[in-house]
Amino acid sequence: MRQKAKHPQLSILEADLQNLTGLRLDRVRTREESAYWNGLIDKYHYLGYKPLPGVQVRYLIRWDGGDLGAIGFFAAAWKVGVRDRWIGWDALTREKGLRMIVNNARFLVLPNIWVKNLASRVLSLCARRIRVDFLETYKYEPVLFETFVEKGRHSGVCYRAANWLYLGDTKGRGKLDRCHRQGVPVKAVFVYPLVRNFRRSLAEVAR
């Protein structure tokens, strides 16, 4: 049974980003922190909480005044047409190198937080932090971020502001689709290289 998490009492925070002293990412490590992260996502994120398989690194977004949200990075999507064409790898290379990509599958800024540019700043903090935390836990360093933004619900403006690259859209078909009919929402695909020579790194892993 999933442990029930306590949630903060939400009161409106409207501030300038530079006034958020101690802005940081606190990595989720304990069972209590995990339950709290899960609870925040379940209550406030439109996708809710569900266990995601494979590697994962999760953070609570905080400042000296309290909690601001939650963000999590998980195993990359198995097959994404626009991403795979942009990287330029074949099926075998993708299979061997996919672990070097991590998926920002959940990103939540609490609904009471009104701070311009906070989301893009958090993404920048994650880019500087994620390789260290993956090396600590999984003994390797990823080279590329990816994420999928549901069109019609979000514009992806925070990813663009953090210099993520828009590659195109998904086809709107789930992984079990065999009839080529749209069954899931179309999503915009964004990526962010974590190292300058990420394609070479992907190729070297696949050898």
N, C-alpha and C. Protein backbone atom coordinates (compact mmCIF):
# COMPACT_ATOMS: atom_id res chain seq x y z
N MET A 1 0.85 -1.20 0.00
CA MET A 1 0.00 0.00 0.00
C MET A 1 0.88 1.25 0.00
N ARG A 2 0.57 2.17 -0.89
CA ARG A 2 1.37 3.38 -0.99
C ARG A 2 1.17 4.25 0.25
N GLN A 3 2.27 4.70 0.80
CA GLN A 3 2.22 5.54 2.00
C GLN A 3 1.57 6.87 1.68
N LYS A 4 0.64 7.29 2.50
CA LYS A 4 -0.06 8.55 2.29
C LYS A 4 0.84 9.71 2.69
N ALA A 5 0.91 10.69 1.80
CA ALA A 5 1.82 11.81 2.03
C ALA A 5 1.05 13.01 2.55
N LYS A 6 1.74 13.81 3.33
CA LYS A 6 1.18 15.08 3.78
C LYS A 6 1.51 16.16 2.77
N HIS A 7 0.57 17.06 2.52
CA HIS A 7 0.78 18.12 1.56
C HIS A 7 0.84 19.47 2.26
N PRO A 8 1.59 20.38 1.67
CA PRO A 8 1.69 21.70 2.30
C PRO A 8 0.39 22.47 2.17
N GLN A 9 0.15 23.37 3.10
CA GLN A 9 -0.94 24.32 2.97
C GLN A 9 -0.54 25.36 1.94
N LEU A 10 -1.32 25.45 0.86
CA LEU A 10 -0.92 26.31 -0.24
C LEU A 10 -1.40 27.74 -0.01
N SER A 11 -0.46 28.66 -0.06
CA SER A 11 -0.79 30.07 -0.03
C SER A 11 -0.04 30.73 -1.18
N ILE A 12 -0.63 31.72 -1.78
CA ILE A 12 -0.08 32.32 -2.99
C ILE A 12 1.30 32.92 -2.72
N LEU A 13 2.24 32.56 -3.59
CA LEU A 13 3.57 33.17 -3.56
C LEU A 13 3.79 33.85 -4.90
N GLU A 14 3.82 35.15 -4.90
CA GLU A 14 4.10 35.93 -6.11
C GLU A 14 5.35 36.74 -5.83
N ALA A 15 6.43 36.44 -6.56
CA ALA A 15 7.72 37.05 -6.25
C ALA A 15 8.58 37.11 -7.49
N ASP A 16 9.64 37.89 -7.41
CA ASP A 16 10.66 37.90 -8.45
C ASP A 16 11.62 36.74 -8.20
N LEU A 17 12.09 36.16 -9.27
CA LEU A 17 12.96 35.00 -9.16
C LEU A 17 14.19 35.28 -8.31
N GLN A 18 14.78 36.45 -8.47
CA GLN A 18 16.01 36.77 -7.73
C GLN A 18 15.78 36.88 -6.23
N ASN A 19 14.52 36.98 -5.83
CA ASN A 19 14.22 37.07 -4.40
C ASN A 19 13.98 35.70 -3.75
N LEU A 20 14.04 34.64 -4.53
CA LEU A 20 13.87 33.30 -3.97
C LEU A 20 15.23 32.81 -3.46
N THR A 21 15.57 33.21 -2.27
CA THR A 21 16.86 32.83 -1.70
C THR A 21 16.91 31.33 -1.44
N GLY A 22 18.08 30.75 -1.72
CA GLY A 22 18.26 29.33 -1.46
C GLY A 22 17.53 28.42 -2.43
N LEU A 23 17.22 28.91 -3.63
CA LEU A 23 16.55 28.06 -4.62
C LEU A 23 17.43 26.84 -4.91
N ARG A 24 16.83 25.64 -4.83
CA ARG A 24 17.64 24.43 -4.93
C ARG A 24 16.79 23.23 -5.32
N LEU A 25 17.51 22.16 -5.67
CA LEU A 25 16.91 20.85 -5.90
C LEU A 25 17.35 19.93 -4.78
N ASP A 26 16.39 19.38 -4.05
CA ASP A 26 16.70 18.39 -3.02
C ASP A 26 16.35 17.02 -3.56
N ARG A 27 17.34 16.18 -3.72
CA ARG A 27 17.08 14.87 -4.30
C ARG A 27 16.25 14.00 -3.36
N VAL A 28 15.32 13.27 -3.93
CA VAL A 28 14.49 12.34 -3.17
C VAL A 28 15.32 11.10 -2.87
N ARG A 29 15.48 10.81 -1.59
CA ARG A 29 16.31 9.68 -1.18
C ARG A 29 15.59 8.74 -0.22
N THR A 30 14.81 9.26 0.69
CA THR A 30 14.19 8.43 1.72
C THR A 30 12.78 7.99 1.31
N ARG A 31 12.26 7.02 2.04
CA ARG A 31 10.90 6.56 1.79
C ARG A 31 9.89 7.67 2.03
N GLU A 32 10.13 8.46 3.05
CA GLU A 32 9.22 9.56 3.36
C GLU A 32 9.24 10.62 2.26
N GLU A 33 10.44 10.94 1.76
CA GLU A 33 10.56 11.91 0.67
C GLU A 33 9.91 11.38 -0.60
N SER A 34 10.05 10.08 -0.84
CA SER A 34 9.44 9.47 -2.01
C SER A 34 7.92 9.56 -1.95
N ALA A 35 7.36 9.25 -0.78
CA ALA A 35 5.91 9.33 -0.61
C ALA A 35 5.41 10.76 -0.79
N TYR A 36 6.19 11.70 -0.30
CA TYR A 36 5.81 13.11 -0.43
C TYR A 36 5.84 13.54 -1.89
N TRP A 37 6.91 13.19 -2.62
CA TRP A 37 7.01 13.51 -4.05
C TRP A 37 5.85 12.88 -4.82
N ASN A 38 5.61 11.60 -4.56
CA ASN A 38 4.50 10.90 -5.24
C ASN A 38 3.17 11.59 -4.98
N GLY A 39 2.98 12.00 -3.73
CA GLY A 39 1.72 12.65 -3.37
C GLY A 39 1.53 13.99 -4.05
N LEU A 40 2.60 14.77 -4.14
CA LEU A 40 2.51 16.06 -4.84
C LEU A 40 2.11 15.86 -6.30
N ILE A 41 2.77 14.91 -6.96
CA ILE A 41 2.48 14.64 -8.37
C ILE A 41 1.05 14.12 -8.53
N ASP A 42 0.65 13.24 -7.65
CA ASP A 42 -0.68 12.65 -7.74
C ASP A 42 -1.77 13.71 -7.57
N LYS A 43 -1.53 14.66 -6.69
CA LYS A 43 -2.57 15.65 -6.40
C LYS A 43 -2.56 16.83 -7.36
N TYR A 44 -1.39 17.26 -7.80
CA TYR A 44 -1.31 18.54 -8.51
C TYR A 44 -0.89 18.43 -9.99
N HIS A 45 -0.35 17.28 -10.41
CA HIS A 45 0.06 17.14 -11.81
C HIS A 45 -1.08 16.52 -12.60
N TYR A 46 -1.32 17.00 -13.81
CA TYR A 46 -2.49 16.55 -14.58
C TYR A 46 -2.40 15.07 -14.97
N LEU A 47 -1.19 14.51 -15.03
CA LEU A 47 -1.04 13.09 -15.34
C LEU A 47 -1.15 12.21 -14.10
N GLY A 48 -1.08 12.82 -12.93
CA GLY A 48 -1.13 12.05 -11.70
C GLY A 48 0.13 11.23 -11.49
N TYR A 49 0.10 10.40 -10.46
CA TYR A 49 1.25 9.56 -10.15
C TYR A 49 1.00 8.13 -10.61
N LYS A 50 1.99 7.56 -11.22
CA LYS A 50 2.03 6.12 -11.48
C LYS A 50 3.50 5.70 -11.49
N PRO A 51 3.80 4.50 -11.02
CA PRO A 51 5.20 4.06 -11.02
C PRO A 51 5.74 3.99 -12.45
N LEU A 52 6.94 4.50 -12.66
CA LEU A 52 7.59 4.45 -13.95
C LEU A 52 8.80 3.53 -13.86
N PRO A 53 8.96 2.64 -14.84
CA PRO A 53 10.03 1.63 -14.75
C PRO A 53 11.40 2.21 -15.07
N GLY A 54 12.43 1.45 -14.69
CA GLY A 54 13.78 1.81 -15.07
C GLY A 54 14.42 2.82 -14.15
N VAL A 55 15.47 3.45 -14.65
CA VAL A 55 16.22 4.42 -13.86
C VAL A 55 15.34 5.61 -13.50
N GLN A 56 15.67 6.24 -12.40
CA GLN A 56 14.93 7.44 -12.03
C GLN A 56 15.73 8.28 -11.02
N VAL A 57 15.65 9.58 -11.22
CA VAL A 57 16.18 10.55 -10.28
C VAL A 57 15.12 11.61 -10.11
N ARG A 58 14.72 11.84 -8.86
CA ARG A 58 13.63 12.78 -8.58
C ARG A 58 14.11 13.86 -7.61
N TYR A 59 13.55 15.05 -7.78
CA TYR A 59 13.91 16.18 -6.93
C TYR A 59 12.67 16.89 -6.42
N LEU A 60 12.80 17.44 -5.22
CA LEU A 60 11.86 18.41 -4.71
C LEU A 60 12.45 19.80 -4.95
N ILE A 61 11.65 20.69 -5.49
CA ILE A 61 12.10 22.05 -5.80
C ILE A 61 11.78 22.92 -4.59
N ARG A 62 12.81 23.54 -4.01
CA ARG A 62 12.61 24.27 -2.76
C ARG A 62 13.39 25.58 -2.76
N TRP A 63 12.98 26.45 -1.84
CA TRP A 63 13.76 27.64 -1.53
C TRP A 63 13.70 27.82 -0.03
N ASP A 64 14.34 28.86 0.48
CA ASP A 64 14.40 29.04 1.92
C ASP A 64 13.02 29.20 2.55
N GLY A 65 12.04 29.60 1.75
CA GLY A 65 10.69 29.81 2.26
C GLY A 65 9.78 28.60 2.18
N GLY A 66 10.25 27.50 1.58
CA GLY A 66 9.41 26.31 1.52
C GLY A 66 9.47 25.59 0.18
N ASP A 67 8.43 24.82 -0.13
CA ASP A 67 8.39 23.98 -1.32
C ASP A 67 7.77 24.72 -2.50
N LEU A 68 8.34 24.46 -3.68
CA LEU A 68 7.88 25.09 -4.91
C LEU A 68 7.32 24.09 -5.91
N GLY A 69 7.74 22.83 -5.82
CA GLY A 69 7.27 21.85 -6.77
C GLY A 69 8.10 20.59 -6.75
N ALA A 70 8.03 19.83 -7.85
CA ALA A 70 8.71 18.55 -7.95
C ALA A 70 9.04 18.27 -9.41
N ILE A 71 10.14 17.55 -9.64
CA ILE A 71 10.53 17.20 -11.00
C ILE A 71 11.19 15.84 -10.97
N GLY A 72 11.01 15.08 -12.05
CA GLY A 72 11.59 13.74 -12.08
C GLY A 72 12.09 13.37 -13.46
N PHE A 73 13.18 12.58 -13.48
CA PHE A 73 13.80 12.10 -14.71
C PHE A 73 13.84 10.59 -14.69
N PHE A 74 13.43 9.99 -15.81
CA PHE A 74 13.23 8.56 -15.87
C PHE A 74 13.82 8.00 -17.16
N ALA A 75 13.63 6.70 -17.39
CA ALA A 75 14.16 6.07 -18.60
C ALA A 75 13.54 6.70 -19.85
N ALA A 76 14.33 6.78 -20.90
CA ALA A 76 13.90 7.40 -22.15
C ALA A 76 12.83 6.56 -22.84
N ALA A 77 12.04 7.22 -23.67
CA ALA A 77 11.06 6.51 -24.50
C ALA A 77 11.79 5.58 -25.47
N TRP A 78 11.22 4.42 -25.70
CA TRP A 78 11.90 3.40 -26.50
C TRP A 78 12.09 3.84 -27.94
N LYS A 79 11.07 4.39 -28.55
CA LYS A 79 11.14 4.73 -29.98
C LYS A 79 10.38 6.01 -30.23
N VAL A 80 11.07 7.03 -30.74
CA VAL A 80 10.45 8.32 -31.06
C VAL A 80 11.00 8.74 -32.43
N GLY A 81 10.13 8.80 -33.41
CA GLY A 81 10.58 9.02 -34.78
C GLY A 81 11.42 10.27 -34.96
N VAL A 82 10.91 11.42 -34.52
CA VAL A 82 11.63 12.68 -34.75
C VAL A 82 12.93 12.72 -33.96
N ARG A 83 12.94 12.15 -32.78
CA ARG A 83 14.18 12.11 -31.98
C ARG A 83 15.21 11.21 -32.63
N ASP A 84 14.79 10.03 -33.06
CA ASP A 84 15.72 9.07 -33.61
C ASP A 84 16.31 9.55 -34.94
N ARG A 85 15.49 10.21 -35.75
CA ARG A 85 16.02 10.77 -37.00
C ARG A 85 17.00 11.90 -36.73
N TRP A 86 16.71 12.71 -35.73
CA TRP A 86 17.58 13.84 -35.39
C TRP A 86 18.93 13.34 -34.89
N ILE A 87 18.91 12.28 -34.07
CA ILE A 87 20.17 11.70 -33.58
C ILE A 87 20.91 11.03 -34.73
N GLY A 88 20.16 10.35 -35.59
CA GLY A 88 20.77 9.68 -36.73
C GLY A 88 21.22 8.26 -36.44
N TRP A 89 20.53 7.59 -35.51
CA TRP A 89 20.93 6.21 -35.20
C TRP A 89 19.93 5.21 -35.76
N ASP A 90 20.41 3.97 -35.97
CA ASP A 90 19.54 2.90 -36.41
C ASP A 90 19.01 2.15 -35.19
N ALA A 91 18.20 1.13 -35.44
CA ALA A 91 17.53 0.43 -34.34
C ALA A 91 18.53 -0.21 -33.38
N LEU A 92 19.60 -0.81 -33.92
CA LEU A 92 20.58 -1.47 -33.06
C LEU A 92 21.34 -0.46 -32.21
N THR A 93 21.74 0.65 -32.82
CA THR A 93 22.45 1.69 -32.07
C THR A 93 21.56 2.28 -31.00
N ARG A 94 20.29 2.48 -31.34
CA ARG A 94 19.34 3.01 -30.35
C ARG A 94 19.21 2.07 -29.16
N GLU A 95 19.10 0.78 -29.43
CA GLU A 95 18.93 -0.19 -28.35
C GLU A 95 20.11 -0.14 -27.38
N LYS A 96 21.32 0.03 -27.90
CA LYS A 96 22.50 0.02 -27.05
C LYS A 96 22.73 1.37 -26.35
N GLY A 97 22.31 2.45 -27.01
CA GLY A 97 22.63 3.76 -26.47
C GLY A 97 21.51 4.47 -25.75
N LEU A 98 20.33 3.85 -25.70
CA LEU A 98 19.15 4.55 -25.18
C LEU A 98 19.30 4.96 -23.72
N ARG A 99 20.06 4.20 -22.96
CA ARG A 99 20.21 4.51 -21.53
C ARG A 99 20.90 5.86 -21.30
N MET A 100 21.57 6.38 -22.33
CA MET A 100 22.26 7.65 -22.19
C MET A 100 21.32 8.85 -22.33
N ILE A 101 20.06 8.58 -22.61
CA ILE A 101 19.04 9.62 -22.67
C ILE A 101 18.12 9.47 -21.47
N VAL A 102 17.76 10.57 -20.82
CA VAL A 102 16.80 10.52 -19.72
C VAL A 102 15.61 11.42 -20.04
N ASN A 103 14.47 10.98 -19.60
CA ASN A 103 13.20 11.61 -19.93
C ASN A 103 12.67 12.41 -18.75
N ASN A 104 12.47 13.70 -18.95
CA ASN A 104 11.80 14.52 -17.94
C ASN A 104 10.30 14.27 -18.04
N ALA A 105 9.86 13.20 -17.37
CA ALA A 105 8.49 12.74 -17.50
C ALA A 105 7.51 13.46 -16.58
N ARG A 106 8.01 14.09 -15.53
CA ARG A 106 7.14 14.84 -14.63
C ARG A 106 7.83 16.15 -14.23
N PHE A 107 7.06 17.23 -14.30
CA PHE A 107 7.55 18.54 -13.88
C PHE A 107 6.36 19.31 -13.33
N LEU A 108 6.45 19.66 -12.06
CA LEU A 108 5.35 20.34 -11.38
C LEU A 108 5.86 21.57 -10.66
N VAL A 109 5.32 22.71 -11.00
CA VAL A 109 5.41 23.90 -10.15
C VAL A 109 4.06 24.03 -9.47
N LEU A 110 4.04 24.08 -8.16
CA LEU A 110 2.78 24.09 -7.42
C LEU A 110 1.88 25.24 -7.89
N PRO A 111 0.57 25.01 -7.90
CA PRO A 111 -0.35 25.99 -8.49
C PRO A 111 -0.43 27.32 -7.76
N ASN A 112 0.10 27.38 -6.55
CA ASN A 112 0.09 28.65 -5.81
C ASN A 112 1.32 29.50 -6.09
N ILE A 113 2.25 29.00 -6.91
CA ILE A 113 3.52 29.69 -7.14
C ILE A 113 3.43 30.53 -8.42
N TRP A 114 3.66 31.82 -8.28
CA TRP A 114 3.64 32.74 -9.41
C TRP A 114 4.98 33.46 -9.46
N VAL A 115 5.94 32.82 -10.09
CA VAL A 115 7.29 33.37 -10.19
C VAL A 115 7.74 33.26 -11.64
N LYS A 116 7.87 34.36 -12.31
CA LYS A 116 8.26 34.37 -13.72
C LYS A 116 9.66 33.77 -13.88
N ASN A 117 9.80 32.90 -14.88
CA ASN A 117 11.06 32.26 -15.25
C ASN A 117 11.53 31.20 -14.26
N LEU A 118 10.71 30.86 -13.27
CA LEU A 118 11.11 29.83 -12.32
C LEU A 118 11.31 28.49 -13.00
N ALA A 119 10.39 28.10 -13.86
CA ALA A 119 10.46 26.77 -14.48
C ALA A 119 11.72 26.62 -15.32
N SER A 120 12.06 27.62 -16.11
CA SER A 120 13.27 27.52 -16.93
C SER A 120 14.52 27.50 -16.06
N ARG A 121 14.52 28.22 -14.95
CA ARG A 121 15.66 28.18 -14.04
C ARG A 121 15.82 26.78 -13.43
N VAL A 122 14.72 26.17 -13.07
CA VAL A 122 14.78 24.82 -12.51
C VAL A 122 15.36 23.84 -13.53
N LEU A 123 14.95 23.95 -14.79
CA LEU A 123 15.49 23.08 -15.83
C LEU A 123 17.00 23.28 -15.97
N SER A 124 17.46 24.51 -15.85
CA SER A 124 18.90 24.78 -15.92
C SER A 124 19.63 24.15 -14.74
N LEU A 125 19.04 24.22 -13.54
CA LEU A 125 19.63 23.57 -12.37
C LEU A 125 19.73 22.06 -12.58
N CYS A 126 18.69 21.48 -13.17
CA CYS A 126 18.69 20.03 -13.42
C CYS A 126 19.80 19.65 -14.40
N ALA A 127 19.99 20.46 -15.43
CA ALA A 127 21.02 20.16 -16.43
C ALA A 127 22.41 20.15 -15.82
N ARG A 128 22.62 20.99 -14.82
CA ARG A 128 23.93 21.04 -14.17
C ARG A 128 24.10 19.93 -13.12
N ARG A 129 23.01 19.33 -12.70
CA ARG A 129 23.04 18.40 -11.58
C ARG A 129 22.91 16.92 -12.00
N ILE A 130 22.19 16.65 -13.07
CA ILE A 130 21.73 15.29 -13.34
C ILE A 130 22.85 14.30 -13.59
N ARG A 131 23.92 14.74 -14.26
CA ARG A 131 24.99 13.81 -14.58
C ARG A 131 25.71 13.33 -13.32
N VAL A 132 25.87 14.22 -12.37
CA VAL A 132 26.50 13.85 -11.10
C VAL A 132 25.65 12.83 -10.36
N ASP A 133 24.35 13.05 -10.32
CA ASP A 133 23.48 12.14 -9.57
C ASP A 133 23.33 10.79 -10.25
N PHE A 134 23.31 10.78 -11.59
CA PHE A 134 23.28 9.49 -12.29
C PHE A 134 24.58 8.72 -12.08
N LEU A 135 25.69 9.42 -12.10
CA LEU A 135 26.97 8.76 -11.88
C LEU A 135 27.02 8.15 -10.48
N GLU A 136 26.52 8.88 -9.50
CA GLU A 136 26.49 8.37 -8.13
C GLU A 136 25.66 7.11 -8.00
N THR A 137 24.50 7.08 -8.65
CA THR A 137 23.55 5.99 -8.46
C THR A 137 23.71 4.87 -9.47
N TYR A 138 23.93 5.22 -10.75
CA TYR A 138 23.91 4.22 -11.81
C TYR A 138 25.28 4.02 -12.49
N LYS A 139 26.27 4.79 -12.06
CA LYS A 139 27.66 4.61 -12.53
C LYS A 139 27.85 4.96 -14.00
N TYR A 140 27.03 5.85 -14.52
CA TYR A 140 27.26 6.41 -15.84
C TYR A 140 26.61 7.78 -15.89
N GLU A 141 26.98 8.57 -16.91
CA GLU A 141 26.48 9.93 -17.04
C GLU A 141 25.68 10.08 -18.34
N PRO A 142 24.41 10.41 -18.26
CA PRO A 142 23.61 10.61 -19.48
C PRO A 142 24.11 11.81 -20.26
N VAL A 143 23.76 11.84 -21.55
CA VAL A 143 24.24 12.92 -22.41
C VAL A 143 23.13 13.73 -23.04
N LEU A 144 21.87 13.32 -22.84
CA LEU A 144 20.78 14.03 -23.50
C LEU A 144 19.51 13.95 -22.66
N PHE A 145 18.82 15.08 -22.52
CA PHE A 145 17.48 15.14 -21.96
C PHE A 145 16.46 15.03 -23.09
N GLU A 146 15.29 14.48 -22.77
CA GLU A 146 14.14 14.55 -23.66
C GLU A 146 12.90 14.81 -22.82
N THR A 147 11.87 15.36 -23.46
CA THR A 147 10.58 15.49 -22.80
C THR A 147 9.50 15.58 -23.86
N PHE A 148 8.24 15.34 -23.44
CA PHE A 148 7.11 15.34 -24.33
C PHE A 148 6.03 16.25 -23.74
N VAL A 149 5.67 17.28 -24.48
CA VAL A 149 4.73 18.29 -24.00
C VAL A 149 3.41 18.12 -24.75
N GLU A 150 2.34 17.86 -24.01
CA GLU A 150 1.04 17.64 -24.63
C GLU A 150 0.53 18.92 -25.28
N LYS A 151 0.35 18.87 -26.58
CA LYS A 151 -0.09 20.05 -27.32
C LYS A 151 -1.57 20.32 -27.01
N GLY A 152 -1.89 21.59 -26.92
CA GLY A 152 -3.24 21.98 -26.55
C GLY A 152 -3.40 22.18 -25.07
N ARG A 153 -2.51 21.58 -24.29
CA ARG A 153 -2.52 21.77 -22.84
C ARG A 153 -1.38 22.69 -22.39
N HIS A 154 -0.19 22.50 -22.99
CA HIS A 154 0.97 23.31 -22.64
C HIS A 154 1.69 23.72 -23.92
N SER A 155 2.37 24.83 -23.86
CA SER A 155 3.09 25.34 -25.03
C SER A 155 4.56 24.97 -25.04
N GLY A 156 5.09 24.54 -23.91
CA GLY A 156 6.51 24.22 -23.82
C GLY A 156 7.38 25.45 -23.69
N VAL A 157 6.79 26.59 -23.29
CA VAL A 157 7.56 27.84 -23.27
C VAL A 157 8.73 27.77 -22.30
N CYS A 158 8.60 27.06 -21.19
CA CYS A 158 9.71 27.01 -20.24
C CYS A 158 10.88 26.21 -20.81
N TYR A 159 10.60 25.18 -21.61
CA TYR A 159 11.67 24.42 -22.24
C TYR A 159 12.39 25.28 -23.28
N ARG A 160 11.63 26.01 -24.06
CA ARG A 160 12.24 26.90 -25.05
C ARG A 160 13.11 27.96 -24.35
N ALA A 161 12.62 28.49 -23.24
CA ALA A 161 13.37 29.51 -22.51
C ALA A 161 14.66 28.95 -21.92
N ALA A 162 14.67 27.65 -21.64
CA ALA A 162 15.87 27.00 -21.10
C ALA A 162 16.75 26.42 -22.22
N ASN A 163 16.44 26.80 -23.47
CA ASN A 163 17.25 26.42 -24.64
C ASN A 163 17.13 24.96 -25.03
N TRP A 164 16.01 24.32 -24.68
CA TRP A 164 15.74 23.00 -25.22
C TRP A 164 15.34 23.16 -26.68
N LEU A 165 15.60 22.13 -27.48
CA LEU A 165 15.34 22.15 -28.91
C LEU A 165 14.03 21.43 -29.23
N TYR A 166 13.18 22.09 -29.97
CA TYR A 166 11.93 21.46 -30.43
C TYR A 166 12.23 20.68 -31.71
N LEU A 167 11.93 19.38 -31.70
CA LEU A 167 12.25 18.52 -32.85
C LEU A 167 11.06 18.25 -33.75
N GLY A 168 9.85 18.37 -33.22
CA GLY A 168 8.66 18.02 -33.97
C GLY A 168 7.65 17.38 -33.04
N ASP A 169 6.68 16.70 -33.62
CA ASP A 169 5.58 16.13 -32.83
C ASP A 169 5.54 14.61 -32.95
N THR A 170 4.97 13.99 -31.92
CA THR A 170 4.69 12.56 -32.00
C THR A 170 3.51 12.34 -32.93
N LYS A 171 3.26 11.08 -33.26
CA LYS A 171 2.17 10.74 -34.18
C LYS A 171 0.83 10.57 -33.49
N GLY A 172 0.84 10.60 -32.15
CA GLY A 172 -0.42 10.42 -31.44
C GLY A 172 -0.89 8.98 -31.39
N ARG A 173 0.07 8.06 -31.48
CA ARG A 173 -0.26 6.64 -31.38
C ARG A 173 0.48 6.05 -30.20
N GLY A 174 -0.24 5.27 -29.40
CA GLY A 174 0.39 4.62 -28.26
C GLY A 174 1.29 3.49 -28.71
N LYS A 175 2.08 2.97 -27.77
CA LYS A 175 3.06 1.94 -28.12
C LYS A 175 2.41 0.62 -28.51
N LEU A 176 1.12 0.44 -28.17
CA LEU A 176 0.43 -0.80 -28.52
C LEU A 176 -0.39 -0.67 -29.80
N ASP A 177 -0.39 0.48 -30.42
CA ASP A 177 -1.19 0.72 -31.62
C ASP A 177 -0.64 -0.08 -32.80
N ARG A 178 -1.51 -0.79 -33.49
CA ARG A 178 -1.13 -1.54 -34.68
C ARG A 178 -1.96 -1.12 -35.90
N CYS A 179 -2.89 -0.19 -35.73
CA CYS A 179 -3.80 0.18 -36.81
C CYS A 179 -3.52 1.58 -37.34
N HIS A 180 -2.47 2.24 -36.83
CA HIS A 180 -2.07 3.56 -37.31
C HIS A 180 -3.18 4.59 -37.16
N ARG A 181 -3.89 4.52 -36.05
CA ARG A 181 -4.93 5.50 -35.76
C ARG A 181 -4.52 6.27 -34.50
N GLN A 182 -4.84 7.56 -34.48
CA GLN A 182 -4.47 8.37 -33.33
C GLN A 182 -5.22 7.89 -32.10
N GLY A 183 -4.48 7.57 -31.03
CA GLY A 183 -5.12 7.06 -29.83
C GLY A 183 -4.71 7.79 -28.57
N VAL A 184 -3.64 8.56 -28.62
CA VAL A 184 -3.17 9.32 -27.48
C VAL A 184 -2.91 10.75 -27.94
N PRO A 185 -2.86 11.71 -27.02
CA PRO A 185 -2.64 13.10 -27.43
C PRO A 185 -1.31 13.29 -28.16
N VAL A 186 -1.32 14.16 -29.16
CA VAL A 186 -0.10 14.52 -29.85
C VAL A 186 0.77 15.36 -28.92
N LYS A 187 2.07 15.06 -28.90
CA LYS A 187 2.97 15.77 -28.01
C LYS A 187 4.15 16.34 -28.78
N ALA A 188 4.57 17.53 -28.36
CA ALA A 188 5.76 18.15 -28.91
C ALA A 188 6.99 17.52 -28.25
N VAL A 189 7.99 17.22 -29.05
CA VAL A 189 9.20 16.56 -28.57
C VAL A 189 10.31 17.61 -28.43
N PHE A 190 10.86 17.72 -27.22
CA PHE A 190 11.97 18.63 -26.94
C PHE A 190 13.16 17.82 -26.44
N VAL A 191 14.37 18.28 -26.77
CA VAL A 191 15.59 17.64 -26.27
C VAL A 191 16.56 18.72 -25.81
N TYR A 192 17.49 18.30 -24.96
CA TYR A 192 18.54 19.22 -24.50
C TYR A 192 19.84 18.45 -24.34
N PRO A 193 20.85 18.73 -25.17
CA PRO A 193 22.14 18.05 -25.01
C PRO A 193 22.83 18.46 -23.71
N LEU A 194 23.31 17.47 -22.98
CA LEU A 194 24.00 17.72 -21.72
C LEU A 194 25.50 17.83 -21.90
N VAL A 195 25.99 17.38 -23.05
CA VAL A 195 27.40 17.54 -23.41
C VAL A 195 27.45 17.99 -24.86
N ARG A 196 28.54 18.63 -25.23
CA ARG A 196 28.65 19.19 -26.57
C ARG A 196 28.72 18.11 -27.64
N ASN A 197 29.43 17.03 -27.37
CA ASN A 197 29.64 15.97 -28.36
C ASN A 197 28.76 14.76 -28.06
N PHE A 198 27.48 15.00 -27.80
CA PHE A 198 26.60 13.92 -27.34
C PHE A 198 26.43 12.82 -28.40
N ARG A 199 26.42 13.17 -29.69
CA ARG A 199 26.28 12.15 -30.73
C ARG A 199 27.46 11.18 -30.72
N ARG A 200 28.65 11.71 -30.54
CA ARG A 200 29.83 10.85 -30.46
C ARG A 200 29.75 9.94 -29.23
N SER A 201 29.27 10.50 -28.12
CA SER A 201 29.13 9.69 -26.90
C SER A 201 28.12 8.56 -27.11
N LEU A 202 27.02 8.86 -27.79
CA LEU A 202 26.02 7.83 -28.07
C LEU A 202 26.61 6.74 -28.97
N ALA A 203 27.37 7.15 -29.95
CA ALA A 203 27.97 6.19 -30.87
C ALA A 203 28.98 5.31 -30.17
N GLU A 204 29.76 5.89 -29.26
CA GLU A 204 30.78 5.12 -28.55
C GLU A 204 30.14 4.08 -27.63
N VAL A 205 29.02 4.43 -27.00
CA VAL A 205 28.33 3.47 -26.12
C VAL A 205 27.79 2.31 -26.93
N ALA A 206 27.36 2.57 -28.17
CA ALA A 206 26.74 1.55 -28.99
C ALA A 206 27.75 0.58 -29.63
N ARG A 207 29.03 0.86 -29.54
CA ARG A 207 30.03 -0.02 -30.18
C ARG A 207 30.14 -1.36 -29.48
